[in-house]
Amino acid sequence: DEFRFAATAKVDGRVVVLPQIRSASMQMNSIRANGYIHIP
């Protein structure tokens, strides 16, 4: 199960989510994100 830090926003009328770099050591990932997604 992967829990990917991600940034979500409304873009061109849709809700879009972009992942962060796949690294558990980069605290800036949590600064740049506003949530996460779960890939089962």
PDB file of all heavy atoms in Angstrom:
ATOM      1  N   ASP A   1       0.877  -1.171   0.000  1.00  0.00           N
ATOM      2  CA  ASP A   1       0.000   0.000   0.000  1.00  0.00           C
ATOM      3  C   ASP A   1       0.913   1.218   0.000  1.00  0.00           C
ATOM      4  O   ASP A   1       1.797   1.334   0.862  1.00  0.00           O
ATOM      5  CB  ASP A   1      -0.880   0.029   1.248  1.00  0.00           C
ATOM      6  CG  ASP A   1      -2.036  -0.943   1.186  1.00  0.00           C
ATOM      7  OD1 ASP A   1      -1.825  -2.141   1.487  1.00  0.00           O
ATOM      8  OD2 ASP A   1      -3.141  -0.514   0.843  1.00  0.00           O
ATOM      9  N   GLU A   2       0.714   2.107  -0.951  1.00  0.00           N
ATOM     10  CA  GLU A   2       1.550   3.299  -0.984  1.00  0.00           C
ATOM     11  C   GLU A   2       0.728   4.531  -0.635  1.00  0.00           C
ATOM     12  O   GLU A   2      -0.403   4.699  -1.106  1.00  0.00           O
ATOM     13  CB  GLU A   2       2.201   3.490  -2.356  1.00  0.00           C
ATOM     14  CG  GLU A   2       3.114   4.709  -2.389  1.00  0.00           C
ATOM     15  CD  GLU A   2       4.122   4.681  -3.520  1.00  0.00           C
ATOM     16  OE1 GLU A   2       4.085   3.736  -4.330  1.00  0.00           O
ATOM     17  OE2 GLU A   2       4.954   5.611  -3.588  1.00  0.00           O
ATOM     18  N   PHE A   3       1.328   5.394   0.185  1.00  0.00           N
ATOM     19  CA  PHE A   3       0.686   6.635   0.610  1.00  0.00           C
ATOM     20  C   PHE A   3       1.577   7.765   0.100  1.00  0.00           C
ATOM     21  O   PHE A   3       2.622   8.062   0.688  1.00  0.00           O
ATOM     22  CB  PHE A   3       0.510   6.655   2.120  1.00  0.00           C
ATOM     23  CG  PHE A   3      -0.354   5.529   2.613  1.00  0.00           C
ATOM     24  CD1 PHE A   3       0.212   4.295   2.940  1.00  0.00           C
ATOM     25  CD2 PHE A   3      -1.725   5.674   2.694  1.00  0.00           C
ATOM     26  CE1 PHE A   3      -0.587   3.241   3.361  1.00  0.00           C
ATOM     27  CE2 PHE A   3      -2.532   4.620   3.119  1.00  0.00           C
ATOM     28  CZ  PHE A   3      -1.963   3.404   3.438  1.00  0.00           C
ATOM     29  N   ARG A   4       1.148   8.382  -0.983  1.00  0.00           N
ATOM     30  CA  ARG A   4       1.995   9.340  -1.686  1.00  0.00           C
ATOM     31  C   ARG A   4       1.594  10.761  -1.321  1.00  0.00           C
ATOM     32  O   ARG A   4       0.431  11.163  -1.499  1.00  0.00           O
ATOM     33  CB  ARG A   4       1.817   9.110  -3.193  1.00  0.00           C
ATOM     34  CG  ARG A   4       2.852   9.760  -4.071  1.00  0.00           C
ATOM     35  CD  ARG A   4       4.136   8.949  -4.134  1.00  0.00           C
ATOM     36  NE  ARG A   4       5.064   9.542  -5.097  1.00  0.00           N
ATOM     37  CZ  ARG A   4       5.152   9.176  -6.364  1.00  0.00           C
ATOM     38  NH1 ARG A   4       4.391   8.207  -6.832  1.00  0.00           N
ATOM     39  NH2 ARG A   4       6.019   9.755  -7.164  1.00  0.00           N
ATOM     40  N   PHE A   5       2.546  11.512  -0.802  1.00  0.00           N
ATOM     41  CA  PHE A   5       2.292  12.928  -0.553  1.00  0.00           C
ATOM     42  C   PHE A   5       1.967  13.592  -1.886  1.00  0.00           C
ATOM     43  O   PHE A   5       2.601  13.298  -2.906  1.00  0.00           O
ATOM     44  CB  PHE A   5       3.500  13.588   0.094  1.00  0.00           C
ATOM     45  CG  PHE A   5       3.625  13.298   1.555  1.00  0.00           C
ATOM     46  CD1 PHE A   5       4.063  12.060   2.006  1.00  0.00           C
ATOM     47  CD2 PHE A   5       3.291  14.260   2.493  1.00  0.00           C
ATOM     48  CE1 PHE A   5       4.170  11.781   3.356  1.00  0.00           C
ATOM     49  CE2 PHE A   5       3.391  13.994   3.858  1.00  0.00           C
ATOM     50  CZ  PHE A   5       3.828  12.749   4.287  1.00  0.00           C
ATOM     51  N   ALA A   6       0.973  14.473  -1.860  1.00  0.00           N
ATOM     52  CA  ALA A   6       0.503  15.037  -3.121  1.00  0.00           C
ATOM     53  C   ALA A   6      -0.064  16.430  -2.911  1.00  0.00           C
ATOM     54  O   ALA A   6      -0.449  16.819  -1.807  1.00  0.00           O
ATOM     55  CB  ALA A   6      -0.559  14.126  -3.753  1.00  0.00           C
ATOM     56  N   ALA A   7      -0.114  17.186  -3.999  1.00  0.00           N
ATOM     57  CA  ALA A   7      -0.691  18.534  -3.998  1.00  0.00           C
ATOM     58  C   ALA A   7      -1.959  18.517  -4.838  1.00  0.00           C
ATOM     59  O   ALA A   7      -1.953  18.026  -5.970  1.00  0.00           O
ATOM     60  CB  ALA A   7       0.305  19.536  -4.570  1.00  0.00           C
ATOM     61  N   THR A   8      -3.033  19.045  -4.278  1.00  0.00           N
ATOM     62  CA  THR A   8      -4.332  19.049  -4.949  1.00  0.00           C
ATOM     63  C   THR A   8      -4.802  20.487  -5.119  1.00  0.00           C
ATOM     64  O   THR A   8      -4.633  21.318  -4.221  1.00  0.00           O
ATOM     65  CB  THR A   8      -5.366  18.256  -4.131  1.00  0.00           C
ATOM     66  OG1 THR A   8      -4.863  16.935  -3.889  1.00  0.00           O
ATOM     67  CG2 THR A   8      -6.693  18.142  -4.867  1.00  0.00           C
ATOM     68  N   ALA A   9      -5.394  20.773  -6.280  1.00  0.00           N
ATOM     69  CA  ALA A   9      -5.905  22.122  -6.544  1.00  0.00           C
ATOM     70  C   ALA A   9      -6.962  22.040  -7.641  1.00  0.00           C
ATOM     71  O   ALA A   9      -7.090  21.020  -8.330  1.00  0.00           O
ATOM     72  CB  ALA A   9      -4.783  23.060  -6.976  1.00  0.00           C
ATOM     73  N   LYS A  10      -7.715  23.124  -7.787  1.00  0.00           N
ATOM     74  CA  LYS A  10      -8.637  23.233  -8.906  1.00  0.00           C
ATOM     75  C   LYS A  10      -7.891  23.884 -10.068  1.00  0.00           C
ATOM     76  O   LYS A  10      -7.376  24.996  -9.952  1.00  0.00           O
ATOM     77  CB  LYS A  10      -9.863  24.072  -8.532  1.00  0.00           C
ATOM     78  CG  LYS A  10     -10.879  23.308  -7.708  1.00  0.00           C
ATOM     79  CD  LYS A  10     -12.184  24.067  -7.595  1.00  0.00           C
ATOM     80  CE  LYS A  10     -13.235  23.233  -6.843  1.00  0.00           C
ATOM     81  NZ  LYS A  10     -14.510  23.972  -6.694  1.00  0.00           N
ATOM     82  N   VAL A  11      -7.838  23.159 -11.186  1.00  0.00           N
ATOM     83  CA  VAL A  11      -7.140  23.646 -12.371  1.00  0.00           C
ATOM     84  C   VAL A  11      -8.079  23.533 -13.567  1.00  0.00           C
ATOM     85  O   VAL A  11      -8.555  22.438 -13.879  1.00  0.00           O
ATOM     86  CB  VAL A  11      -5.851  22.829 -12.637  1.00  0.00           C
ATOM     87  CG1 VAL A  11      -5.125  23.383 -13.861  1.00  0.00           C
ATOM     88  CG2 VAL A  11      -4.936  22.845 -11.425  1.00  0.00           C
ATOM     89  N   ASP A  12      -8.352  24.637 -14.201  1.00  0.00           N
ATOM     90  CA  ASP A  12      -9.204  24.658 -15.388  1.00  0.00           C
ATOM     91  C   ASP A  12     -10.548  23.971 -15.123  1.00  0.00           C
ATOM     92  O   ASP A  12     -11.053  23.213 -15.949  1.00  0.00           O
ATOM     93  CB  ASP A  12      -8.477  23.974 -16.555  1.00  0.00           C
ATOM     94  CG  ASP A  12      -9.116  24.292 -17.899  1.00  0.00           C
ATOM     95  OD1 ASP A  12      -9.469  25.466 -18.129  1.00  0.00           O
ATOM     96  OD2 ASP A  12      -9.295  23.358 -18.710  1.00  0.00           O
ATOM     97  N   GLY A  13     -11.092  24.205 -13.935  1.00  0.00           N
ATOM     98  CA  GLY A  13     -12.416  23.682 -13.599  1.00  0.00           C
ATOM     99  C   GLY A  13     -12.433  22.267 -13.075  1.00  0.00           C
ATOM    100  O   GLY A  13     -13.503  21.743 -12.750  1.00  0.00           O
ATOM    101  N   ARG A  14     -11.275  21.589 -13.015  1.00  0.00           N
ATOM    102  CA  ARG A  14     -11.213  20.226 -12.482  1.00  0.00           C
ATOM    103  C   ARG A  14     -10.378  20.210 -11.211  1.00  0.00           C
ATOM    104  O   ARG A  14      -9.535  21.079 -11.002  1.00  0.00           O
ATOM    105  CB  ARG A  14     -10.566  19.257 -13.483  1.00  0.00           C
ATOM    106  CG  ARG A  14     -11.251  19.209 -14.828  1.00  0.00           C
ATOM    107  CD  ARG A  14     -10.244  19.482 -15.941  1.00  0.00           C
ATOM    108  NE  ARG A  14      -9.093  18.602 -15.931  1.00  0.00           N
ATOM    109  CZ  ARG A  14      -7.825  19.027 -16.008  1.00  0.00           C
ATOM    110  NH1 ARG A  14      -7.550  20.322 -16.073  1.00  0.00           N
ATOM    111  NH2 ARG A  14      -6.837  18.156 -16.029  1.00  0.00           N
ATOM    112  N   VAL A  15     -10.614  19.195 -10.382  1.00  0.00           N
ATOM    113  CA  VAL A  15      -9.761  18.984  -9.218  1.00  0.00           C
ATOM    114  C   VAL A  15      -8.651  18.027  -9.638  1.00  0.00           C
ATOM    115  O   VAL A  15      -8.905  16.887 -10.034  1.00  0.00           O
ATOM    116  CB  VAL A  15     -10.550  18.392  -8.034  1.00  0.00           C
ATOM    117  CG1 VAL A  15      -9.617  18.130  -6.864  1.00  0.00           C
ATOM    118  CG2 VAL A  15     -11.676  19.337  -7.620  1.00  0.00           C
ATOM    119  N   VAL A  16      -7.413  18.522  -9.557  1.00  0.00           N
ATOM    120  CA  VAL A  16      -6.252  17.757 -10.027  1.00  0.00           C
ATOM    121  C   VAL A  16      -5.314  17.506  -8.855  1.00  0.00           C
ATOM    122  O   VAL A  16      -5.124  18.377  -8.001  1.00  0.00           O
ATOM    123  CB  VAL A  16      -5.503  18.532 -11.138  1.00  0.00           C
ATOM    124  CG1 VAL A  16      -4.263  17.770 -11.578  1.00  0.00           C
ATOM    125  CG2 VAL A  16      -6.429  18.775 -12.325  1.00  0.00           C
ATOM    126  N   VAL A  17      -4.726  16.312  -8.833  1.00  0.00           N
ATOM    127  CA  VAL A  17      -3.766  15.986  -7.778  1.00  0.00           C
ATOM    128  C   VAL A  17      -2.449  15.553  -8.415  1.00  0.00           C
ATOM    129  O   VAL A  17      -2.425  14.755  -9.348  1.00  0.00           O
ATOM    130  CB  VAL A  17      -4.321  14.882  -6.844  1.00  0.00           C
ATOM    131  CG1 VAL A  17      -4.651  13.612  -7.595  1.00  0.00           C
ATOM    132  CG2 VAL A  17      -3.346  14.598  -5.703  1.00  0.00           C
ATOM    133  N   LEU A  18      -1.341  16.155  -7.938  1.00  0.00           N
ATOM    134  CA  LEU A  18      -0.005  15.828  -8.432  1.00  0.00           C
ATOM    135  C   LEU A  18       0.834  15.244  -7.303  1.00  0.00           C
ATOM    136  O   LEU A  18       0.841  15.783  -6.187  1.00  0.00           O
ATOM    137  CB  LEU A  18       0.696  17.079  -8.973  1.00  0.00           C
ATOM    138  CG  LEU A  18       0.237  17.616 -10.331  1.00  0.00           C
ATOM    139  CD1 LEU A  18       1.048  18.856 -10.698  1.00  0.00           C
ATOM    140  CD2 LEU A  18       0.387  16.553 -11.410  1.00  0.00           C
ATOM    141  N   PRO A  19       1.573  14.178  -7.576  1.00  0.00           N
ATOM    142  CA  PRO A  19       2.383  13.549  -6.525  1.00  0.00           C
ATOM    143  C   PRO A  19       3.654  14.343  -6.235  1.00  0.00           C
ATOM    144  O   PRO A  19       4.121  15.133  -7.060  1.00  0.00           O
ATOM    145  CB  PRO A  19       2.719  12.187  -7.128  1.00  0.00           C
ATOM    146  CG  PRO A  19       2.792  12.462  -8.607  1.00  0.00           C
ATOM    147  CD  PRO A  19       1.708  13.490  -8.866  1.00  0.00           C
ATOM    148  N   GLN A  20       4.208  14.087  -5.052  1.00  0.00           N
ATOM    149  CA  GLN A  20       5.520  14.615  -4.714  1.00  0.00           C
ATOM    150  C   GLN A  20       6.595  13.593  -5.090  1.00  0.00           C
ATOM    151  O   GLN A  20       6.306  12.452  -5.444  1.00  0.00           O
ATOM    152  CB  GLN A  20       5.590  14.897  -3.203  1.00  0.00           C
ATOM    153  CG  GLN A  20       4.593  15.915  -2.714  1.00  0.00           C
ATOM    154  CD  GLN A  20       4.838  17.287  -3.295  1.00  0.00           C
ATOM    155  OE1 GLN A  20       5.909  17.844  -3.162  1.00  0.00           O
ATOM    156  NE2 GLN A  20       3.833  17.825  -3.970  1.00  0.00           N
ATOM    157  N   ILE A  21       7.840  14.013  -5.002  1.00  0.00           N
ATOM    158  CA  ILE A  21       8.962  13.105  -5.240  1.00  0.00           C
ATOM    159  C   ILE A  21       8.823  11.930  -4.278  1.00  0.00           C
ATOM    160  O   ILE A  21       8.474  12.088  -3.111  1.00  0.00           O
ATOM    161  CB  ILE A  21      10.305  13.829  -4.991  1.00  0.00           C
ATOM    162  CG1 ILE A  21      10.444  14.999  -5.962  1.00  0.00           C
ATOM    163  CG2 ILE A  21      11.473  12.872  -5.124  1.00  0.00           C
ATOM    164  CD1 ILE A  21      11.613  15.907  -5.649  1.00  0.00           C
ATOM    165  N   ARG A  22       9.118  10.752  -4.761  1.00  0.00           N
ATOM    166  CA  ARG A  22       8.964   9.536  -3.956  1.00  0.00           C
ATOM    167  C   ARG A  22      10.173   9.387  -3.029  1.00  0.00           C
ATOM    168  O   ARG A  22      11.101   8.624  -3.288  1.00  0.00           O
ATOM    169  CB  ARG A  22       8.851   8.336  -4.884  1.00  0.00           C
ATOM    170  CG  ARG A  22       8.167   7.130  -4.276  1.00  0.00           C
ATOM    171  CD  ARG A  22       8.112   6.011  -5.303  1.00  0.00           C
ATOM    172  NE  ARG A  22       7.359   4.860  -4.836  1.00  0.00           N
ATOM    173  CZ  ARG A  22       7.406   3.684  -5.414  1.00  0.00           C
ATOM    174  NH1 ARG A  22       8.170   3.503  -6.470  1.00  0.00           N
ATOM    175  NH2 ARG A  22       6.694   2.685  -4.945  1.00  0.00           N
ATOM    176  N   SER A  23      10.156  10.131  -1.928  1.00  0.00           N
ATOM    177  CA  SER A  23      11.264  10.097  -0.978  1.00  0.00           C
ATOM    178  C   SER A  23      10.725  10.357   0.418  1.00  0.00           C
ATOM    179  O   SER A  23      10.040  11.355   0.646  1.00  0.00           O
ATOM    180  CB  SER A  23      12.316  11.159  -1.327  1.00  0.00           C
ATOM    181  OG  SER A  23      13.271  11.275  -0.294  1.00  0.00           O
ATOM    182  N   ALA A  24      11.035   9.465   1.351  1.00  0.00           N
ATOM    183  CA  ALA A  24      10.551   9.614   2.726  1.00  0.00           C
ATOM    184  C   ALA A  24      11.419  10.553   3.543  1.00  0.00           C
ATOM    185  O   ALA A  24      11.052  10.925   4.655  1.00  0.00           O
ATOM    186  CB  ALA A  24      10.494   8.248   3.407  1.00  0.00           C
ATOM    187  N   SER A  25      12.587  10.923   2.992  1.00  0.00           N
ATOM    188  CA  SER A  25      13.505  11.746   3.778  1.00  0.00           C
ATOM    189  C   SER A  25      13.348  13.237   3.514  1.00  0.00           C
ATOM    190  O   SER A  25      13.911  14.055   4.224  1.00  0.00           O
ATOM    191  CB  SER A  25      14.951  11.334   3.475  1.00  0.00           C
ATOM    192  OG  SER A  25      15.254  11.575   2.104  1.00  0.00           O
ATOM    193  N   MET A  26      12.590  13.606   2.481  1.00  0.00           N
ATOM    194  CA  MET A  26      12.480  15.013   2.091  1.00  0.00           C
ATOM    195  C   MET A  26      11.298  15.680   2.793  1.00  0.00           C
ATOM    196  O   MET A  26      10.148  15.515   2.383  1.00  0.00           O
ATOM    197  CB  MET A  26      12.344  15.139   0.582  1.00  0.00           C
ATOM    198  CG  MET A  26      13.614  14.761  -0.165  1.00  0.00           C
ATOM    199  SD  MET A  26      13.503  15.060  -1.941  1.00  0.00           S
ATOM    200  CE  MET A  26      13.194  16.830  -1.983  1.00  0.00           C
ATOM    201  N   GLN A  27      11.583  16.439   3.849  1.00  0.00           N
ATOM    202  CA  GLN A  27      10.512  17.116   4.580  1.00  0.00           C
ATOM    203  C   GLN A  27       9.825  18.185   3.746  1.00  0.00           C
ATOM    204  O   GLN A  27       8.675  18.521   3.993  1.00  0.00           O
ATOM    205  CB  GLN A  27      11.070  17.726   5.869  1.00  0.00           C
ATOM    206  CG  GLN A  27      11.339  16.685   6.944  1.00  0.00           C
ATOM    207  CD  GLN A  27      11.833  17.302   8.225  1.00  0.00           C
ATOM    208  OE1 GLN A  27      12.992  17.659   8.333  1.00  0.00           O
ATOM    209  NE2 GLN A  27      10.951  17.425   9.188  1.00  0.00           N
ATOM    210  N   MET A  28      10.513  18.712   2.737  1.00  0.00           N
ATOM    211  CA  MET A  28       9.880  19.715   1.873  1.00  0.00           C
ATOM    212  C   MET A  28       8.677  19.126   1.128  1.00  0.00           C
ATOM    213  O   MET A  28       7.793  19.862   0.702  1.00  0.00           O
ATOM    214  CB  MET A  28      10.886  20.284   0.874  1.00  0.00           C
ATOM    215  CG  MET A  28      11.823  21.324   1.453  1.00  0.00           C
ATOM    216  SD  MET A  28      10.955  22.750   2.182  1.00  0.00           S
ATOM    217  CE  MET A  28      10.148  23.448   0.742  1.00  0.00           C
ATOM    218  N   ASN A  29       8.641  17.803   0.979  1.00  0.00           N
ATOM    219  CA  ASN A  29       7.469  17.186   0.349  1.00  0.00           C
ATOM    220  C   ASN A  29       6.191  17.510   1.109  1.00  0.00           C
ATOM    221  O   ASN A  29       5.143  17.761   0.516  1.00  0.00           O
ATOM    222  CB  ASN A  29       7.640  15.669   0.268  1.00  0.00           C
ATOM    223  CG  ASN A  29       8.456  15.239  -0.940  1.00  0.00           C
ATOM    224  OD1 ASN A  29       8.846  16.070  -1.753  1.00  0.00           O
ATOM    225  ND2 ASN A  29       8.724  13.955  -1.063  1.00  0.00           N
ATOM    226  N   SER A  30       6.272  17.501   2.436  1.00  0.00           N
ATOM    227  CA  SER A  30       5.071  17.786   3.224  1.00  0.00           C
ATOM    228  C   SER A  30       4.731  19.269   3.204  1.00  0.00           C
ATOM    229  O   SER A  30       3.563  19.654   3.335  1.00  0.00           O
ATOM    230  CB  SER A  30       5.242  17.310   4.675  1.00  0.00           C
ATOM    231  OG  SER A  30       6.251  18.042   5.334  1.00  0.00           O
ATOM    232  N   ILE A  31       5.745  20.119   3.021  1.00  0.00           N
ATOM    233  CA  ILE A  31       5.505  21.560   2.897  1.00  0.00           C
ATOM    234  C   ILE A  31       4.807  21.853   1.574  1.00  0.00           C
ATOM    235  O   ILE A  31       3.847  22.636   1.507  1.00  0.00           O
ATOM    236  CB  ILE A  31       6.836  22.342   2.962  1.00  0.00           C
ATOM    237  CG1 ILE A  31       7.498  22.166   4.328  1.00  0.00           C
ATOM    238  CG2 ILE A  31       6.622  23.820   2.639  1.00  0.00           C
ATOM    239  CD1 ILE A  31       6.786  22.837   5.463  1.00  0.00           C
ATOM    240  N   ARG A  32       5.259  21.214   0.511  1.00  0.00           N
ATOM    241  CA  ARG A  32       4.733  21.483  -0.817  1.00  0.00           C
ATOM    242  C   ARG A  32       3.392  20.813  -1.067  1.00  0.00           C
ATOM    243  O   ARG A  32       2.654  21.196  -1.971  1.00  0.00           O
ATOM    244  CB  ARG A  32       5.748  21.019  -1.865  1.00  0.00           C
ATOM    245  CG  ARG A  32       7.024  21.850  -1.853  1.00  0.00           C
ATOM    246  CD  ARG A  32       8.123  21.213  -2.667  1.00  0.00           C
ATOM    247  NE  ARG A  32       9.318  22.068  -2.683  1.00  0.00           N
ATOM    248  CZ  ARG A  32      10.535  21.633  -2.929  1.00  0.00           C
ATOM    249  NH1 ARG A  32      10.748  20.348  -3.186  1.00  0.00           N
ATOM    250  NH2 ARG A  32      11.549  22.469  -2.919  1.00  0.00           N
ATOM    251  N   ALA A  33       3.070  19.799  -0.276  1.00  0.00           N
ATOM    252  CA  ALA A  33       1.818  19.058  -0.462  1.00  0.00           C
ATOM    253  C   ALA A  33       0.722  19.646   0.413  1.00  0.00           C
ATOM    254  O   ALA A  33       0.969  20.446   1.317  1.00  0.00           O
ATOM    255  CB  ALA A  33       2.029  17.589  -0.117  1.00  0.00           C
ATOM    256  N   ASN A  34      -0.511  19.243   0.149  1.00  0.00           N
ATOM    257  CA  ASN A  34      -1.630  19.569   1.050  1.00  0.00           C
ATOM    258  C   ASN A  34      -2.465  18.327   1.336  1.00  0.00           C
ATOM    259  O   ASN A  34      -3.638  18.420   1.669  1.00  0.00           O
ATOM    260  CB  ASN A  34      -2.499  20.698   0.478  1.00  0.00           C
ATOM    261  CG  ASN A  34      -3.037  20.383  -0.916  1.00  0.00           C
ATOM    262  OD1 ASN A  34      -2.878  19.274  -1.419  1.00  0.00           O
ATOM    263  ND2 ASN A  34      -3.676  21.374  -1.539  1.00  0.00           N
ATOM    264  N   GLY A  35      -1.828  17.160   1.221  1.00  0.00           N
ATOM    265  CA  GLY A  35      -2.514  15.913   1.520  1.00  0.00           C
ATOM    266  C   GLY A  35      -1.774  14.744   0.907  1.00  0.00           C
ATOM    267  O   GLY A  35      -0.559  14.815   0.640  1.00  0.00           O
ATOM    268  N   TYR A  36      -2.490  13.673   0.658  1.00  0.00           N
ATOM    269  CA  TYR A  36      -1.863  12.490   0.087  1.00  0.00           C
ATOM    270  C   TYR A  36      -2.909  11.666  -0.648  1.00  0.00           C
ATOM    271  O   TYR A  36      -4.114  11.927  -0.545  1.00  0.00           O
ATOM    272  CB  TYR A  36      -1.185  11.646   1.165  1.00  0.00           C
ATOM    273  CG  TYR A  36      -2.131  11.016   2.174  1.00  0.00           C
ATOM    274  CD1 TYR A  36      -2.543   9.690   2.019  1.00  0.00           C
ATOM    275  CD2 TYR A  36      -2.607  11.721   3.271  1.00  0.00           C
ATOM    276  CE1 TYR A  36      -3.407   9.096   2.934  1.00  0.00           C
ATOM    277  CE2 TYR A  36      -3.455  11.142   4.187  1.00  0.00           C
ATOM    278  CZ  TYR A  36      -3.848   9.831   4.016  1.00  0.00           C
ATOM    279  OH  TYR A  36      -4.706   9.246   4.920  1.00  0.00           O
ATOM    280  N   ILE A  37      -2.440  10.696  -1.397  1.00  0.00           N
ATOM    281  CA  ILE A  37      -3.342   9.726  -2.005  1.00  0.00           C
ATOM    282  C   ILE A  37      -2.887   8.328  -1.601  1.00  0.00           C
ATOM    283  O   ILE A  37      -1.703   8.093  -1.318  1.00  0.00           O
ATOM    284  CB  ILE A  37      -3.393   9.845  -3.547  1.00  0.00           C
ATOM    285  CG1 ILE A  37      -2.034   9.572  -4.167  1.00  0.00           C
ATOM    286  CG2 ILE A  37      -3.929  11.192  -3.982  1.00  0.00           C
ATOM    287  CD1 ILE A  37      -2.088   9.434  -5.669  1.00  0.00           C
ATOM    288  N   HIS A  38      -3.821   7.414  -1.559  1.00  0.00           N
ATOM    289  CA  HIS A  38      -3.550   6.029  -1.183  1.00  0.00           C
ATOM    290  C   HIS A  38      -3.660   5.160  -2.426  1.00  0.00           C
ATOM    291  O   HIS A  38      -4.716   5.091  -3.049  1.00  0.00           O
ATOM    292  CB  HIS A  38      -4.561   5.582  -0.119  1.00  0.00           C
ATOM    293  CG  HIS A  38      -4.422   4.142   0.279  1.00  0.00           C
ATOM    294  ND1 HIS A  38      -5.413   3.455   0.952  1.00  0.00           N
ATOM    295  CD2 HIS A  38      -3.415   3.245   0.091  1.00  0.00           C
ATOM    296  CE1 HIS A  38      -5.027   2.216   1.158  1.00  0.00           C
ATOM    297  NE2 HIS A  38      -3.818   2.057   0.652  1.00  0.00           N
ATOM    298  N   ILE A  39      -2.553   4.518  -2.801  1.00  0.00           N
ATOM    299  CA  ILE A  39      -2.571   3.543  -3.900  1.00  0.00           C
ATOM    300  C   ILE A  39      -2.618   2.164  -3.260  1.00  0.00           C
ATOM    301  O   ILE A  39      -1.623   1.714  -2.677  1.00  0.00           O
ATOM    302  CB  ILE A  39      -1.336   3.688  -4.805  1.00  0.00           C
ATOM    303  CG1 ILE A  39      -1.221   5.127  -5.324  1.00  0.00           C
ATOM    304  CG2 ILE A  39      -1.420   2.701  -5.969  1.00  0.00           C
ATOM    305  CD1 ILE A  39       0.042   5.397  -6.115  1.00  0.00           C
ATOM    306  N   PRO A  40      -3.764   1.488  -3.306  1.00  0.00           N
ATOM    307  CA  PRO A  40      -3.917   0.226  -2.576  1.00  0.00           C
ATOM    308  C   PRO A  40      -2.980  -0.871  -3.087  1.00  0.00           C
ATOM    309  O   PRO A  40      -2.551  -0.878  -4.252  1.00  0.00           O
ATOM    310  CB  PRO A  40      -5.384  -0.153  -2.829  1.00  0.00           C
ATOM    311  CG  PRO A  40      -6.046   1.101  -3.269  1.00  0.00           C
ATOM    312  CD  PRO A  40      -4.997   1.888  -3.985  1.00  0.00           C
TER     313      PRO A  40
END
